[in-house]
Amino acid sequence: MNHAQKRRVVSCLAALVMSTALLSEANAQSSRRSGQSGPGLTIPKPRGEPKPTTYTSILTALVIGGVVVVVTLLPSKRGHQD
């Protein structure tokens, strides 16, 4: 095996070890969370989603449109190649 092949094998093994460690950690975290539900712990219920106002929507559209126009009008930094 030359150096490039050894490096590739080591990289693949390292990726395999790291992904296995991450999967086992995720499994451990999910099992810990399910055991924490006590009698006094409840998930708060949302009171509804905040709705954007008309002015917020118009302002957002104008800002995004302005950014698009400014980027379109920027010079391309090409010199004259004639």
N, C-alpha and C. Protein backbone atom coordinates (compact mmCIF):
# COMPACT_ATOMS: atom_id res chain seq x y z
N MET A 1 0.84 -1.18 0.00
CA MET A 1 0.00 0.00 0.00
C MET A 1 0.88 1.24 0.00
N ASN A 2 0.52 2.15 -0.85
CA ASN A 2 1.27 3.40 -0.83
C ASN A 2 0.65 4.37 0.18
N HIS A 3 1.24 5.53 0.31
CA HIS A 3 0.82 6.49 1.34
C HIS A 3 -0.62 6.96 1.13
N ALA A 4 -1.02 7.20 -0.11
CA ALA A 4 -2.37 7.70 -0.39
C ALA A 4 -3.42 6.65 -0.03
N GLN A 5 -3.14 5.39 -0.31
CA GLN A 5 -4.10 4.33 0.02
C GLN A 5 -4.22 4.15 1.53
N LYS A 6 -3.09 4.22 2.23
CA LYS A 6 -3.13 4.10 3.69
C LYS A 6 -3.93 5.25 4.29
N ARG A 7 -3.72 6.43 3.76
CA ARG A 7 -4.43 7.60 4.27
C ARG A 7 -5.94 7.46 4.04
N ARG A 8 -6.32 6.95 2.88
CA ARG A 8 -7.72 6.75 2.56
C ARG A 8 -8.35 5.73 3.50
N VAL A 9 -7.64 4.63 3.78
CA VAL A 9 -8.16 3.60 4.67
C VAL A 9 -8.31 4.15 6.09
N VAL A 10 -7.31 4.90 6.54
CA VAL A 10 -7.37 5.47 7.88
C VAL A 10 -8.52 6.48 7.97
N SER A 11 -8.72 7.28 6.95
CA SER A 11 -9.82 8.25 6.95
C SER A 11 -11.17 7.55 7.01
N CYS A 12 -11.33 6.48 6.24
CA CYS A 12 -12.59 5.73 6.25
C CYS A 12 -12.83 5.10 7.62
N LEU A 13 -11.80 4.54 8.21
CA LEU A 13 -11.95 3.94 9.54
C LEU A 13 -12.28 5.00 10.59
N ALA A 14 -11.64 6.15 10.51
CA ALA A 14 -11.93 7.22 11.46
C ALA A 14 -13.37 7.70 11.31
N ALA A 15 -13.85 7.84 10.07
CA ALA A 15 -15.23 8.25 9.84
C ALA A 15 -16.20 7.22 10.38
N LEU A 16 -15.89 5.95 10.21
CA LEU A 16 -16.75 4.88 10.72
C LEU A 16 -16.81 4.91 12.24
N VAL A 17 -15.67 5.08 12.87
CA VAL A 17 -15.63 5.12 14.34
C VAL A 17 -16.40 6.33 14.87
N MET A 18 -16.20 7.50 14.25
CA MET A 18 -16.88 8.70 14.71
C MET A 18 -18.39 8.60 14.52
N SER A 19 -18.83 8.08 13.38
CA SER A 19 -20.27 7.97 13.15
C SER A 19 -20.90 6.96 14.10
N THR A 20 -20.20 5.88 14.41
CA THR A 20 -20.73 4.90 15.36
C THR A 20 -20.83 5.52 16.74
N ALA A 21 -19.84 6.29 17.12
CA ALA A 21 -19.87 6.94 18.43
C ALA A 21 -21.02 7.94 18.51
N LEU A 22 -21.25 8.68 17.44
CA LEU A 22 -22.34 9.65 17.44
C LEU A 22 -23.69 8.97 17.51
N LEU A 23 -23.85 7.86 16.80
CA LEU A 23 -25.12 7.14 16.84
C LEU A 23 -25.40 6.58 18.23
N SER A 24 -24.38 6.03 18.87
CA SER A 24 -24.61 5.49 20.21
C SER A 24 -24.90 6.60 21.20
N GLU A 25 -24.26 7.75 21.05
CA GLU A 25 -24.53 8.88 21.94
C GLU A 25 -25.96 9.39 21.73
N ALA A 26 -26.42 9.46 20.50
CA ALA A 26 -27.78 9.90 20.22
C ALA A 26 -28.79 8.94 20.84
N ASN A 27 -28.51 7.65 20.76
CA ASN A 27 -29.40 6.66 21.34
C ASN A 27 -29.44 6.81 22.85
N ALA A 28 -28.30 7.06 23.47
CA ALA A 28 -28.25 7.23 24.92
C ALA A 28 -29.00 8.49 25.35
N GLN A 29 -28.88 9.55 24.60
CA GLN A 29 -29.58 10.78 24.95
C GLN A 29 -31.09 10.62 24.83
N SER A 30 -31.55 9.93 23.80
CA SER A 30 -32.99 9.76 23.63
C SER A 30 -33.56 8.88 24.73
N SER A 31 -32.81 7.90 25.21
CA SER A 31 -33.33 7.05 26.27
C SER A 31 -33.33 7.79 27.60
N ARG A 32 -32.41 8.73 27.81
CA ARG A 32 -32.39 9.50 29.04
C ARG A 32 -33.57 10.46 29.11
N ARG A 33 -33.93 11.05 28.00
CA ARG A 33 -35.02 12.03 27.99
C ARG A 33 -36.35 11.39 28.32
N SER A 34 -36.58 10.18 27.85
CA SER A 34 -37.87 9.56 28.07
C SER A 34 -38.07 9.20 29.54
N GLY A 35 -36.99 9.00 30.28
CA GLY A 35 -37.11 8.64 31.68
C GLY A 35 -37.24 9.83 32.60
N GLN A 36 -37.23 11.06 32.09
CA GLN A 36 -37.25 12.24 32.94
C GLN A 36 -38.65 12.79 33.18
N SER A 37 -39.66 12.20 32.61
CA SER A 37 -40.99 12.77 32.77
C SER A 37 -41.50 12.49 34.18
N GLY A 38 -41.62 13.53 34.96
CA GLY A 38 -42.07 13.39 36.33
C GLY A 38 -43.47 13.93 36.47
N PRO A 39 -44.05 13.84 37.66
CA PRO A 39 -45.42 14.30 37.83
C PRO A 39 -45.56 15.82 37.71
N GLY A 40 -44.51 16.59 38.05
CA GLY A 40 -44.61 18.04 37.99
C GLY A 40 -44.15 18.63 36.68
N LEU A 41 -43.61 17.82 35.77
CA LEU A 41 -43.08 18.33 34.51
C LEU A 41 -44.11 18.17 33.41
N THR A 42 -44.49 19.27 32.80
CA THR A 42 -45.40 19.23 31.66
C THR A 42 -44.85 20.15 30.57
N ILE A 43 -45.19 19.85 29.36
CA ILE A 43 -44.79 20.66 28.22
C ILE A 43 -45.77 21.81 28.09
N PRO A 44 -45.29 23.04 28.03
CA PRO A 44 -46.23 24.16 27.90
C PRO A 44 -46.91 24.14 26.54
N LYS A 45 -48.18 24.50 26.53
CA LYS A 45 -48.95 24.52 25.29
C LYS A 45 -48.83 25.90 24.65
N PRO A 46 -48.55 25.94 23.35
CA PRO A 46 -48.45 27.24 22.69
C PRO A 46 -49.81 27.92 22.63
N ARG A 47 -49.79 29.22 22.71
CA ARG A 47 -51.03 29.99 22.69
C ARG A 47 -51.44 30.39 21.28
N GLY A 48 -50.73 29.92 20.30
CA GLY A 48 -51.01 30.29 18.92
C GLY A 48 -49.77 30.87 18.28
N GLU A 49 -49.72 30.78 16.98
CA GLU A 49 -48.55 31.30 16.27
C GLU A 49 -48.70 32.80 16.05
N PRO A 50 -47.63 33.55 16.24
CA PRO A 50 -47.71 34.97 15.95
C PRO A 50 -47.85 35.20 14.44
N LYS A 51 -48.80 36.01 14.08
CA LYS A 51 -49.04 36.26 12.66
C LYS A 51 -48.32 37.54 12.24
N PRO A 52 -47.62 37.50 11.11
CA PRO A 52 -46.93 38.72 10.66
C PRO A 52 -47.94 39.77 10.21
N THR A 53 -47.65 40.99 10.52
CA THR A 53 -48.54 42.07 10.11
C THR A 53 -48.31 42.40 8.64
N THR A 54 -49.20 43.14 8.08
CA THR A 54 -49.08 43.53 6.67
C THR A 54 -47.83 44.38 6.46
N TYR A 55 -47.57 45.27 7.39
CA TYR A 55 -46.40 46.15 7.25
C TYR A 55 -45.10 45.36 7.32
N THR A 56 -45.06 44.35 8.16
CA THR A 56 -43.85 43.52 8.25
C THR A 56 -43.62 42.77 6.94
N SER A 57 -44.67 42.24 6.36
CA SER A 57 -44.54 41.52 5.09
C SER A 57 -44.07 42.45 3.97
N ILE A 58 -44.66 43.64 3.91
CA ILE A 58 -44.27 44.60 2.87
C ILE A 58 -42.82 45.05 3.07
N LEU A 59 -42.43 45.32 4.32
CA LEU A 59 -41.06 45.74 4.59
C LEU A 59 -40.07 44.65 4.23
N THR A 60 -40.40 43.40 4.55
CA THR A 60 -39.52 42.29 4.21
C THR A 60 -39.37 42.16 2.70
N ALA A 61 -40.47 42.26 1.97
CA ALA A 61 -40.42 42.17 0.51
C ALA A 61 -39.58 43.31 -0.08
N LEU A 62 -39.73 44.52 0.45
CA LEU A 62 -38.95 45.65 -0.05
C LEU A 62 -37.46 45.49 0.23
N VAL A 63 -37.11 44.99 1.41
CA VAL A 63 -35.70 44.79 1.75
C VAL A 63 -35.08 43.73 0.85
N ILE A 64 -35.77 42.61 0.67
CA ILE A 64 -35.24 41.55 -0.19
C ILE A 64 -35.14 42.04 -1.63
N GLY A 65 -36.17 42.74 -2.11
CA GLY A 65 -36.13 43.30 -3.47
C GLY A 65 -35.00 44.29 -3.63
N GLY A 66 -34.78 45.13 -2.61
CA GLY A 66 -33.68 46.10 -2.67
C GLY A 66 -32.33 45.42 -2.73
N VAL A 67 -32.17 44.35 -1.96
CA VAL A 67 -30.90 43.60 -2.00
C VAL A 67 -30.68 43.00 -3.38
N VAL A 68 -31.73 42.46 -3.98
CA VAL A 68 -31.61 41.87 -5.31
C VAL A 68 -31.22 42.94 -6.33
N VAL A 69 -31.84 44.11 -6.26
CA VAL A 69 -31.53 45.19 -7.21
C VAL A 69 -30.09 45.67 -7.03
N VAL A 70 -29.65 45.84 -5.80
CA VAL A 70 -28.28 46.31 -5.55
C VAL A 70 -27.26 45.30 -6.06
N VAL A 71 -27.50 44.02 -5.80
CA VAL A 71 -26.56 43.00 -6.26
C VAL A 71 -26.55 42.93 -7.79
N THR A 72 -27.70 43.13 -8.40
CA THR A 72 -27.77 43.10 -9.87
C THR A 72 -27.00 44.27 -10.48
N LEU A 73 -27.03 45.42 -9.84
CA LEU A 73 -26.40 46.61 -10.40
C LEU A 73 -24.92 46.74 -10.06
N LEU A 74 -24.39 45.86 -9.23
CA LEU A 74 -22.96 45.92 -8.92
C LEU A 74 -22.13 45.68 -10.19
N PRO A 75 -21.04 46.39 -10.34
CA PRO A 75 -20.21 46.15 -11.52
C PRO A 75 -19.58 44.76 -11.46
N SER A 76 -19.33 44.19 -12.63
CA SER A 76 -18.82 42.83 -12.69
C SER A 76 -17.30 42.76 -12.56
N LYS A 77 -16.64 43.90 -12.45
CA LYS A 77 -15.18 43.97 -12.28
C LYS A 77 -14.41 43.35 -13.42
N ARG A 78 -14.97 43.33 -14.56
CA ARG A 78 -14.24 42.87 -15.73
C ARG A 78 -13.59 44.07 -16.40
N GLY A 79 -12.37 43.90 -16.79
CA GLY A 79 -11.72 44.97 -17.51
C GLY A 79 -12.09 44.89 -19.00
N HIS A 80 -11.75 45.92 -19.72
CA HIS A 80 -12.02 45.87 -21.16
C HIS A 80 -11.05 44.88 -21.80
N GLN A 81 -11.61 43.90 -22.47
CA GLN A 81 -10.78 42.87 -23.08
C GLN A 81 -10.72 43.00 -24.59
N ASP A 82 -11.05 44.18 -25.09
CA ASP A 82 -11.06 44.37 -26.54
C ASP A 82 -9.66 44.57 -27.07
